[in-house]
Protein backbone atom coordinates (compact mmCIF):
# COMPACT_ATOMS: atom_id res chain seq x y z
CA UNK A 1 -133.42 75.89 -39.74
CA UNK A 2 -131.54 73.04 -37.73
CA UNK A 3 -128.01 72.27 -36.81
CA UNK A 4 -126.92 69.60 -39.39
CA UNK A 5 -123.89 67.60 -39.52
CA UNK A 6 -122.53 67.44 -42.85
CA UNK A 7 -119.88 65.19 -44.67
CA UNK A 8 -116.75 67.40 -43.60
CA UNK A 9 -118.14 66.54 -39.79
CA UNK A 10 -118.85 70.39 -38.91
CA UNK A 11 -122.19 71.03 -37.77
CA UNK A 12 -123.57 74.11 -39.63
CA UNK A 13 -127.12 76.06 -39.76
CA UNK A 14 -129.29 75.08 -42.64
CA UNK A 15 -132.46 73.79 -44.01
CA UNK A 16 -133.41 70.13 -43.26
CA UNK A 17 -134.43 68.46 -46.44
CA UNK A 18 -135.19 65.30 -47.54
CA UNK A 19 -132.08 63.14 -48.30
CA UNK A 20 -131.28 62.74 -52.17
CA UNK A 21 -131.14 59.39 -52.98
CA UNK A 22 -129.11 58.83 -55.78
CA UNK A 23 -129.06 55.43 -58.02
CA UNK A 24 -126.08 53.08 -57.57
CA UNK A 25 -124.25 52.30 -60.51
CA UNK A 26 -123.39 48.52 -60.62
CA UNK A 27 -120.58 47.57 -62.28
CA UNK A 28 -121.24 45.09 -64.92
CA UNK A 29 -120.49 41.28 -63.75
CA UNK A 30 -117.66 40.99 -66.50
CA UNK A 31 -115.84 44.21 -65.18
CA UNK A 32 -116.34 43.09 -61.42
CA UNK A 33 -113.71 40.38 -62.34
CA UNK A 34 -110.88 42.74 -63.42
CA UNK A 35 -108.75 43.52 -60.63
CA UNK A 36 -108.21 46.99 -59.41
CA UNK A 37 -104.62 48.17 -59.78
CA UNK A 38 -102.84 49.62 -56.76
CA UNK A 39 -99.62 51.31 -56.26
CA UNK A 40 -96.99 48.73 -54.80
CA UNK A 41 -93.14 48.96 -54.19
CA UNK A 42 -91.25 46.47 -56.07
CA UNK A 43 -87.91 44.89 -55.45
CA UNK A 44 -86.25 47.69 -57.20
CA UNK A 45 -87.48 50.02 -54.75
CA UNK A 46 -89.73 51.69 -57.59
CA UNK A 47 -93.71 52.31 -57.02
CA UNK A 48 -95.62 50.73 -59.93
CA UNK A 49 -99.20 50.14 -60.74
CA UNK A 50 -99.47 46.49 -60.67
CA UNK A 51 -102.20 43.91 -59.00
CA UNK A 52 -101.55 42.19 -55.67
CA UNK A 53 -100.58 38.48 -55.82
CA UNK A 54 -104.05 37.51 -54.60
CA UNK A 55 -105.47 39.26 -57.47
CA UNK A 56 -103.12 37.99 -59.85
CA UNK A 57 -103.86 34.40 -58.58
CA UNK A 58 -107.60 34.88 -58.69
CA UNK A 59 -107.24 35.96 -62.57
CA UNK A 60 -105.72 32.71 -63.18
CA UNK A 61 -108.75 30.82 -61.77
CA UNK A 62 -110.25 30.15 -65.24
CA UNK A 63 -113.23 28.32 -63.76
CA UNK A 64 -114.54 31.66 -62.71
CA UNK A 65 -115.60 32.35 -66.39
CA UNK A 66 -118.18 29.74 -66.01
CA UNK A 67 -120.24 32.41 -63.94
CA UNK A 68 -120.19 34.48 -67.10
CA UNK A 69 -123.38 34.75 -69.14
CA UNK A 70 -122.92 32.67 -72.31
CA UNK A 71 -123.49 35.63 -74.62
CA UNK A 72 -120.72 37.88 -72.89
CA UNK A 73 -117.99 34.89 -72.17
CA UNK A 74 -116.86 34.62 -75.80
CA UNK A 75 -116.61 38.37 -76.28
CA UNK A 76 -114.18 38.45 -73.42
CA UNK A 77 -112.26 35.23 -74.42
CA UNK A 78 -109.70 37.02 -76.28
CA UNK A 79 -109.17 39.74 -73.58
CA UNK A 80 -108.78 36.90 -70.98
CA UNK A 81 -105.95 35.29 -72.60
CA UNK A 82 -104.14 38.60 -73.07
CA UNK A 83 -104.58 39.45 -69.38
CA UNK A 84 -103.56 36.01 -68.34
CA UNK A 85 -100.38 36.10 -70.42
CA UNK A 86 -99.71 39.59 -69.22
CA UNK A 87 -100.20 38.28 -65.26
CA UNK A 88 -97.97 34.99 -65.88
CA UNK A 89 -95.39 37.23 -67.23
CA UNK A 90 -95.36 39.47 -64.35
CA UNK A 91 -95.42 36.63 -61.86
CA UNK A 92 -92.73 34.99 -63.44
CA UNK A 93 -90.61 38.15 -63.53
CA UNK A 94 -91.31 38.79 -59.67
CA UNK A 95 -90.74 35.24 -58.64
CA UNK A 96 -87.45 35.20 -60.74
CA UNK A 97 -86.07 38.54 -59.07
CA UNK A 98 -87.27 37.11 -55.59
CA UNK A 99 -85.25 34.00 -56.08
CA UNK A 100 -82.30 35.77 -57.38
CA UNK A 101 -82.47 38.17 -53.94
CA UNK A 102 -83.28 35.05 -51.89
CA UNK A 103 -80.20 33.00 -53.29
CA UNK A 104 -77.97 35.90 -53.01
CA UNK A 105 -78.92 36.54 -49.43
CA UNK A 106 -78.31 32.56 -48.54
CA UNK A 107 -75.06 32.66 -50.28
CA UNK A 108 -73.93 35.73 -48.20
CA UNK A 109 -75.06 34.43 -45.12
CA UNK A 110 -73.48 31.12 -45.42
CA UNK A 111 -70.20 32.61 -46.63
CA UNK A 112 -70.45 34.81 -43.26
CA UNK A 113 -71.26 31.85 -41.25
CA UNK A 114 -68.52 29.79 -42.59
CA UNK A 115 -65.70 32.47 -42.60
CA UNK A 116 -63.52 31.94 -39.53
CA UNK A 117 -63.08 34.80 -37.58
CA UNK A 118 -59.39 34.01 -36.75
CA UNK A 119 -57.18 30.94 -37.46
CA UNK A 120 -58.37 29.28 -34.40
CA UNK A 121 -62.09 29.14 -34.70
CA UNK A 122 -62.23 26.61 -32.37
CA UNK A 123 -62.38 28.99 -29.50
CA UNK A 124 -65.84 29.91 -30.32
CA UNK A 125 -67.00 26.09 -30.76
CA UNK A 126 -68.90 24.44 -28.16
CA UNK A 127 -67.17 21.47 -26.42
CA UNK A 128 -68.14 18.40 -28.28
CA UNK A 129 -68.82 20.32 -31.40
CA UNK A 130 -65.81 19.70 -33.34
CA UNK A 131 -65.92 16.00 -32.72
CA UNK A 132 -69.41 15.85 -34.57
CA UNK A 133 -68.51 18.21 -37.24
CA UNK A 134 -64.65 18.01 -38.08
CA UNK A 135 -63.90 15.47 -40.78
CA UNK A 136 -62.21 12.03 -39.27
CA UNK A 137 -58.47 12.37 -39.37
CA UNK A 138 -56.64 9.41 -40.31
CA UNK A 139 -54.13 7.87 -37.58
CA UNK A 140 -50.64 8.44 -38.22
CA UNK A 141 -48.41 5.39 -38.80
CA UNK A 142 -46.28 3.95 -36.04
CA UNK A 143 -42.69 3.73 -36.59
CA UNK A 144 -42.14 0.14 -35.28
CA UNK A 145 -38.34 0.76 -34.59
CA UNK A 146 -38.99 3.88 -32.84
CA UNK A 147 -41.74 2.51 -30.58
CA UNK A 148 -39.40 -0.32 -29.73
CA UNK A 149 -36.78 2.36 -28.78
CA UNK A 150 -39.46 4.01 -26.45
CA UNK A 151 -41.04 0.88 -24.97
CA UNK A 152 -37.29 -0.12 -24.28
CA UNK A 153 -36.26 3.25 -22.66
CA UNK A 154 -39.26 3.47 -20.57
CA UNK A 155 -39.02 -0.19 -19.13
CA UNK A 156 -42.48 -0.42 -18.28
CA UNK A 157 -42.39 2.78 -15.72
CA UNK A 158 -45.30 4.98 -15.35
CA UNK A 159 -42.85 7.92 -14.34
CA UNK A 160 -42.38 8.59 -17.97
CA UNK A 161 -44.70 9.95 -20.87
CA UNK A 162 -43.28 10.34 -24.18
CA UNK A 163 -44.37 11.21 -27.64
CA UNK A 164 -42.27 11.43 -30.71
CA UNK A 165 -43.35 12.49 -34.17
CA UNK A 166 -41.31 12.28 -37.41
CA UNK A 167 -42.31 15.36 -39.18
CA UNK A 168 -40.85 14.37 -42.47
CA UNK A 169 -42.52 10.84 -42.48
CA UNK A 170 -45.43 11.36 -40.43
CA UNK A 171 -44.63 8.63 -38.30
CA UNK A 172 -45.16 8.37 -34.50
CA UNK A 173 -44.41 6.50 -31.49
CA UNK A 174 -45.45 6.75 -27.62
CA UNK A 175 -45.17 5.71 -24.14
CA UNK A 176 -48.39 6.73 -21.90
CA UNK A 177 -48.69 9.46 -24.58
CA UNK A 178 -52.31 10.12 -23.57
CA UNK A 179 -51.79 10.08 -19.73
CA UNK A 180 -52.31 13.12 -18.05
CA UNK A 181 -49.19 14.39 -15.91
CA UNK A 182 -48.55 17.45 -13.84
CA UNK A 183 -47.43 19.92 -16.50
CA UNK A 184 -45.15 22.28 -14.39
CA UNK A 185 -44.09 24.94 -16.72
CA UNK A 186 -45.23 23.42 -19.86
CA UNK A 187 -48.73 24.91 -19.08
CA UNK A 188 -47.07 28.16 -20.34
CA UNK A 189 -47.16 26.65 -24.05
CA UNK A 190 -51.01 27.28 -23.88
CA UNK A 191 -50.96 30.45 -22.54
CA UNK A 192 -48.79 31.56 -24.79
CA UNK A 193 -50.50 30.31 -27.82
CA UNK A 194 -53.82 32.12 -26.35
CA UNK A 195 -51.79 35.30 -25.85
CA UNK A 196 -50.97 35.28 -29.63
CA UNK A 197 -54.30 34.17 -30.46
CA UNK A 198 -55.73 37.22 -28.63
CA UNK A 199 -53.07 39.45 -30.22
CA UNK A 200 -54.15 38.15 -33.80
CA UNK A 201 -57.56 38.90 -33.11
CA UNK A 202 -56.92 42.51 -31.72
CA UNK A 203 -58.07 41.97 -28.15
CA UNK A 204 -54.22 42.25 -27.11
CA UNK A 205 -51.26 44.34 -28.06
CA UNK A 206 -47.70 43.68 -27.38
CA UNK A 207 -47.21 46.84 -25.92
CA UNK A 208 -49.90 46.54 -23.39
CA UNK A 209 -49.10 46.18 -19.83
CA UNK A 210 -49.09 42.47 -18.65
CA UNK A 211 -49.88 43.52 -14.95
CA UNK A 212 -49.28 40.96 -12.20
CA UNK A 213 -46.55 42.88 -10.76
CA UNK A 214 -44.38 41.71 -13.68
CA UNK A 215 -43.67 45.48 -14.44
CA UNK A 216 -43.40 44.57 -18.14
CA UNK A 217 -45.45 44.67 -21.20
CA UNK A 218 -47.07 41.53 -22.94
CA UNK A 219 -44.32 41.14 -25.53
CA UNK A 220 -41.65 40.92 -22.67
CA UNK A 221 -43.35 38.88 -20.64
CA UNK A 222 -43.67 36.27 -23.62
CA UNK A 223 -40.04 36.35 -23.82
CA UNK A 224 -39.21 35.91 -20.14
CA UNK A 225 -42.00 33.25 -19.64
CA UNK A 226 -40.58 31.35 -22.63
CA UNK A 227 -36.94 31.56 -22.68
CA UNK A 228 -36.06 31.59 -18.98
CA UNK A 229 -39.52 30.17 -17.68
CA UNK A 230 -40.17 33.18 -15.51
CA UNK A 231 -43.12 32.27 -13.29
CA UNK A 232 -44.32 36.05 -12.57
CA UNK A 233 -44.75 36.55 -16.03
CA UNK A 234 -46.28 33.09 -16.31
CA UNK A 235 -48.88 33.95 -13.94
CA UNK A 236 -49.34 37.37 -15.02
CA UNK A 237 -50.48 36.14 -18.58
CA UNK A 238 -52.29 33.09 -17.36
CA UNK A 239 -54.45 35.73 -15.32
CA UNK A 240 -54.98 37.85 -18.58
CA UNK A 241 -56.35 34.60 -20.38
CA UNK A 242 -58.39 33.21 -17.49
CA UNK A 243 -56.90 30.08 -16.61
CA UNK A 244 -59.82 27.60 -16.39
CA UNK A 245 -61.90 29.52 -18.71
CA UNK A 246 -59.56 28.20 -21.49
CA UNK A 247 -60.47 24.85 -20.98
CA UNK A 248 -63.60 24.32 -22.96
CA UNK A 249 -61.71 25.86 -25.93
CA UNK A 250 -58.72 23.60 -25.51
CA UNK A 251 -60.94 20.42 -25.22
CA UNK A 252 -62.60 21.43 -28.57
CA UNK A 253 -59.19 21.90 -30.12
CA UNK A 254 -58.41 18.25 -29.17
CA UNK A 255 -56.29 18.68 -26.11
CA UNK A 256 -58.00 16.34 -24.17
CA UNK A 257 -55.81 15.94 -21.02
CA UNK A 258 -54.88 19.37 -20.68
CA UNK A 259 -56.63 21.35 -17.74
CA UNK A 260 -55.40 24.72 -16.46
CA UNK A 261 -58.26 25.14 -13.99
CA UNK A 262 -56.28 23.66 -10.85
CA UNK A 263 -53.52 24.70 -8.69
CA UNK A 264 -51.45 22.17 -10.60
CA UNK A 265 -52.25 22.30 -14.48
CA UNK A 266 -52.09 18.87 -16.30
CA UNK A 267 -51.35 17.78 -19.76
CA UNK A 268 -50.08 14.86 -21.78
CA UNK A 269 -47.42 14.07 -24.22
CA UNK A 270 -49.65 13.81 -27.05
CA UNK A 271 -51.32 17.03 -26.29
CA UNK A 272 -48.30 18.97 -26.16
CA UNK A 273 -46.84 17.36 -29.20
CA UNK A 274 -50.35 18.46 -30.92
CA UNK A 275 -49.61 21.68 -30.03
CA UNK A 276 -46.01 21.70 -31.50
CA UNK A 277 -47.18 20.04 -34.72
CA UNK A 278 -49.89 22.80 -35.50
CA UNK A 279 -47.00 25.38 -34.67
CA UNK A 280 -44.71 23.68 -36.76
CA UNK A 281 -47.23 23.32 -39.67
CA UNK A 282 -48.07 27.10 -39.11
CA UNK A 283 -51.89 26.38 -38.41
CA UNK A 284 -51.77 27.00 -34.60
CA UNK A 285 -52.23 31.10 -34.81
CA UNK A 286 -51.40 33.37 -37.68
CA UNK A 287 -48.10 33.05 -39.52
CA UNK A 288 -46.46 36.12 -37.70
CA UNK A 289 -47.45 34.84 -34.34
CA UNK A 290 -46.39 31.34 -35.23
CA UNK A 291 -42.99 32.66 -36.28
CA UNK A 292 -42.57 34.81 -33.19
CA UNK A 293 -43.35 32.01 -30.85
CA UNK A 294 -41.00 29.47 -32.50
CA UNK A 295 -38.24 32.11 -32.22
CA UNK A 296 -38.78 32.37 -28.52
CA UNK A 297 -38.48 28.55 -28.29
CA UNK A 298 -35.41 28.65 -30.24
CA UNK A 299 -34.00 31.14 -28.05
CA UNK A 300 -34.65 28.95 -24.87
CA UNK A 301 -31.80 29.44 -22.18
CA UNK A 302 -32.57 26.23 -19.87
CA UNK A 303 -30.75 23.64 -22.09
CA UNK A 304 -29.61 20.90 -19.47
CA UNK A 305 -32.13 18.23 -20.80
CA UNK A 306 -32.89 17.42 -24.30
CA UNK A 307 -30.27 19.47 -26.08
CA UNK A 308 -27.67 17.81 -24.15
CA UNK A 309 -28.00 14.70 -26.18
CA UNK A 310 -27.75 16.33 -29.57
CA UNK A 311 -24.71 17.10 -31.52
CA UNK A 312 -23.34 20.77 -31.00
CA UNK A 313 -25.13 23.55 -33.09
CA UNK A 314 -28.34 21.47 -33.42
CA UNK A 315 -31.29 23.69 -33.64
CA UNK A 316 -34.19 22.90 -31.16
CA UNK A 317 -37.17 25.03 -30.36
CA UNK A 318 -38.38 23.77 -26.84
CA UNK A 319 -39.67 24.51 -23.78
CA UNK A 320 -39.06 23.08 -20.23
CA UNK A 321 -40.84 22.40 -17.19
CA UNK A 322 -39.63 21.68 -13.44
CA UNK A 323 -41.86 21.44 -10.41
CA UNK A 324 -42.14 19.16 -7.27
CA UNK A 325 -39.63 16.38 -8.78
CA UNK A 326 -41.53 16.54 -12.22
CA UNK A 327 -38.80 17.36 -14.94
CA UNK A 328 -40.12 17.85 -18.77
CA UNK A 329 -38.71 19.03 -21.79
CA UNK A 330 -40.69 19.16 -25.22
CA UNK A 331 -39.56 20.78 -28.58
CA UNK A 332 -39.10 20.45 -32.12
CA UNK A 333 -35.26 19.09 -33.18
CA UNK A 334 -34.26 20.57 -36.72
CA UNK A 335 -31.96 17.81 -38.13
CA UNK A 336 -30.22 17.27 -41.40
CA UNK A 337 -32.60 14.52 -42.47
CA UNK A 338 -35.58 15.16 -40.78
CA UNK A 339 -37.09 17.39 -38.27
CA UNK A 340 -38.94 15.56 -35.34
CA UNK A 341 -40.92 16.39 -32.37
CA UNK A 342 -39.99 14.96 -29.08
CA UNK A 343 -42.06 15.41 -25.72
CA UNK A 344 -40.65 13.90 -22.44
CA UNK A 345 -42.53 14.53 -19.26
CA UNK A 346 -41.07 12.54 -16.29
CA UNK A 347 -41.15 12.25 -12.53
CA UNK A 348 -41.20 12.35 -9.84
CA UNK A 349 -37.43 12.38 -9.53
CA UNK A 350 -35.18 12.24 -6.34
CA UNK A 351 -32.46 14.51 -8.10
CA UNK A 352 -32.51 16.78 -11.23
CA UNK A 353 -29.32 15.24 -12.09
CA UNK A 354 -30.56 11.72 -12.53
CA UNK A 355 -33.45 13.33 -14.55
CA UNK A 356 -30.94 15.11 -16.83
CA UNK A 357 -28.92 11.85 -17.50
CA UNK A 358 -32.33 10.29 -18.59
CA UNK A 359 -33.04 12.96 -20.98
CA UNK A 360 -29.56 12.95 -22.24
CA UNK A 361 -29.84 9.32 -23.07
CA UNK A 362 -33.23 9.62 -25.00
CA UNK A 363 -32.31 12.32 -26.78
CA UNK A 364 -29.03 10.97 -28.31
CA UNK A 365 -31.06 7.61 -29.04
CA UNK A 366 -33.67 9.59 -31.00
CA UNK A 367 -30.99 11.60 -32.94
CA UNK A 368 -29.26 8.01 -33.96
CA UNK A 369 -32.59 6.50 -34.92
CA UNK A 370 -33.97 9.35 -37.00
CA UNK A 371 -30.94 11.35 -38.45
CA UNK A 372 -28.34 8.46 -38.66
């Protein structure tokens, strides 16, 4: 007796005998060509006894029939056609199912990529991307009469930056419209817009504490920052949105002269007019946020500039700014014939009274030109 290791891997005591050699049964050549079926899971999740793709392709290689003995090949010819027909049917069905699933996946992926997360998708666009992907926008027509009015009013002085847009006709006119100027409290327009944006996407709530020593929530600070130009709330809300962190998004949205990163934020008449145009057109943020923003602007309590040149009772949604001799006013005038945007940045002035007189004059002239 010897210890023998058998097929189950256990050594047992047994007689050693000569190994039994069994004859190997060779599969006839014709049968070796038949693909061996294997269980595979299909697109519907069901396991089926199907040949692999490699085997299916091998079946379709009809040139292999040349290796078959002439006496056998004719007998297999009909069977071969049947097998090829079944194989082609299976391949076509599989490819069709894969195509449907792939197409559906592509449609879903494309729709997901294109669906804007918010009304202001530009906030997630890298600077410069908007210029390469956005469709070209035709320039607004210039009102030559209005342009002559503004040119005459400014008298070639660089202390004025003015932009006017007739919202009924789309006509515009400007003087130093693209020139950056110290924004004073007009920076609060961009801060407010960003606060509304973050409320729209659920990052902030109106009842949330505004912080910054304001002692108020965000809703109250928005009101104070716009209607009375409260600086404490302006700084508190500016801290929330991140000041210079907004610059990339602002540039992508087309506010090319607006910079909130420095101690003295800058903007231009055209940038501010663009914000008002989007607000008026209900594209700045969500409809509810746009309506809330306009209501605050209509409740402005500082009315010594543009409103002073308008007929009594005229509705104007506007925001003022005053700092270091720079005095600004910008808003939307609601008239009987047309609504229009007027942005006037000016300064530095020696006295506020001189500035107020200039605002009254320009506002009255604009009203007469557009509404009379």
